[in-house]
């Protein structure tokens, strides 16, 4: 194998390795559960705030057992409780 082919082979291997390492799954720091889907449904159907509140409570419960809850999720849950007139519960999450 001549020097030029050797360099091409090495570059191809390095490029392939770097491409594969970029596709590796990233570890998630927080447990988001079904938050994004629930939030999207809530924006589409704001009259179903109770369903979103329940989904958010489930997401928080799961996150507390597996990982850390995402930033702001407690506050968002507290805000939903406050909108529903559940002030004493809302204060706990703020």
Protein backbone atom coordinates (compact mmCIF):
# COMPACT_ATOMS: atom_id res chain seq x y z
CA UNK A 1 0.00 0.00 0.00
CA UNK A 2 1.51 3.30 -0.97
CA UNK A 3 1.66 6.33 1.32
CA UNK A 4 -1.22 8.18 -0.35
CA UNK A 5 -3.65 5.24 -0.03
CA UNK A 6 -2.59 4.75 3.59
CA UNK A 7 -3.40 8.39 4.43
CA UNK A 8 -6.75 8.10 2.67
CA UNK A 9 -7.57 4.95 4.64
CA UNK A 10 -6.63 6.55 7.96
CA UNK A 11 -8.67 9.68 7.18
CA UNK A 12 -11.67 7.56 6.17
CA UNK A 13 -11.50 5.55 9.39
CA UNK A 14 -11.18 8.68 11.54
CA UNK A 15 -14.06 10.37 9.73
CA UNK A 16 -16.24 7.30 10.15
CA UNK A 17 -15.40 7.02 13.85
CA UNK A 18 -16.14 10.70 14.50
CA UNK A 19 -19.43 10.44 12.61
CA UNK A 20 -20.51 7.43 14.64
CA UNK A 21 -19.55 9.04 17.93
CA UNK A 22 -21.65 12.10 17.05
CA UNK A 23 -24.69 9.85 16.65
CA UNK A 24 -24.29 8.27 20.07
CA UNK A 25 -27.22 8.79 22.40
CA UNK A 26 -26.79 11.51 24.94
CA UNK A 27 -27.59 10.94 28.59
CA UNK A 28 -30.47 13.07 29.73
CA UNK A 29 -29.98 15.03 32.91
CA UNK A 30 -33.69 15.36 33.67
CA UNK A 31 -36.70 13.13 33.34
CA UNK A 32 -39.22 14.93 31.13
CA UNK A 33 -41.70 12.07 30.73
CA UNK A 34 -44.66 13.07 28.58
CA UNK A 35 -44.28 16.78 29.34
CA UNK A 36 -43.81 18.01 25.77
CA UNK A 37 -46.78 16.09 24.39
CA UNK A 38 -48.97 17.12 27.33
CA UNK A 39 -48.00 20.77 26.98
CA UNK A 40 -48.74 20.70 23.26
CA UNK A 41 -52.19 19.20 23.92
CA UNK A 42 -52.82 21.80 26.63
CA UNK A 43 -52.01 24.63 24.21
CA UNK A 44 -54.37 23.14 21.65
CA UNK A 45 -57.14 22.54 24.22
CA UNK A 46 -56.72 25.02 27.11
CA UNK A 47 -60.11 24.01 28.51
CA UNK A 48 -58.55 20.65 29.47
CA UNK A 49 -56.24 22.13 32.11
CA UNK A 50 -57.14 19.36 34.56
CA UNK A 51 -55.75 16.71 32.22
CA UNK A 52 -52.51 18.66 31.83
CA UNK A 53 -52.27 19.13 35.59
CA UNK A 54 -52.62 15.39 36.14
CA UNK A 55 -50.01 14.57 33.48
CA UNK A 56 -47.64 17.09 35.03
CA UNK A 57 -48.13 15.53 38.46
CA UNK A 58 -47.31 12.11 36.99
CA UNK A 59 -44.20 13.51 35.28
CA UNK A 60 -43.02 15.07 38.54
CA UNK A 61 -43.62 11.86 40.51
CA UNK A 62 -41.68 9.83 37.96
CA UNK A 63 -38.85 12.37 37.79
CA UNK A 64 -38.47 12.39 41.56
CA UNK A 65 -37.94 8.63 41.61
CA UNK A 66 -35.66 8.35 38.54
CA UNK A 67 -33.73 11.60 38.16
CA UNK A 68 -34.07 15.26 38.95
CA UNK A 69 -37.25 17.08 37.91
CA UNK A 70 -36.59 19.54 35.07
CA UNK A 71 -36.06 23.21 35.94
CA UNK A 72 -39.27 25.14 36.32
CA UNK A 73 -41.56 22.11 36.34
CA UNK A 74 -42.48 22.58 40.00
CA UNK A 75 -43.32 26.23 39.34
CA UNK A 76 -45.41 25.39 36.29
CA UNK A 77 -47.30 22.77 38.25
CA UNK A 78 -47.82 25.25 41.09
CA UNK A 79 -49.11 27.84 38.64
CA UNK A 80 -51.64 25.37 37.23
CA UNK A 81 -52.82 24.56 40.74
CA UNK A 82 -53.13 28.26 41.51
CA UNK A 83 -55.25 28.80 38.39
CA UNK A 84 -57.56 26.03 39.59
CA UNK A 85 -58.00 27.71 42.97
CA UNK A 86 -55.86 25.23 44.89
CA UNK A 87 -53.72 27.91 46.58
CA UNK A 88 -52.45 25.89 49.54
CA UNK A 89 -51.15 23.13 47.24
CA UNK A 90 -49.69 25.66 44.81
CA UNK A 91 -47.58 27.31 47.52
CA UNK A 92 -45.81 24.00 48.15
CA UNK A 93 -44.58 23.87 44.56
CA UNK A 94 -43.46 27.50 44.37
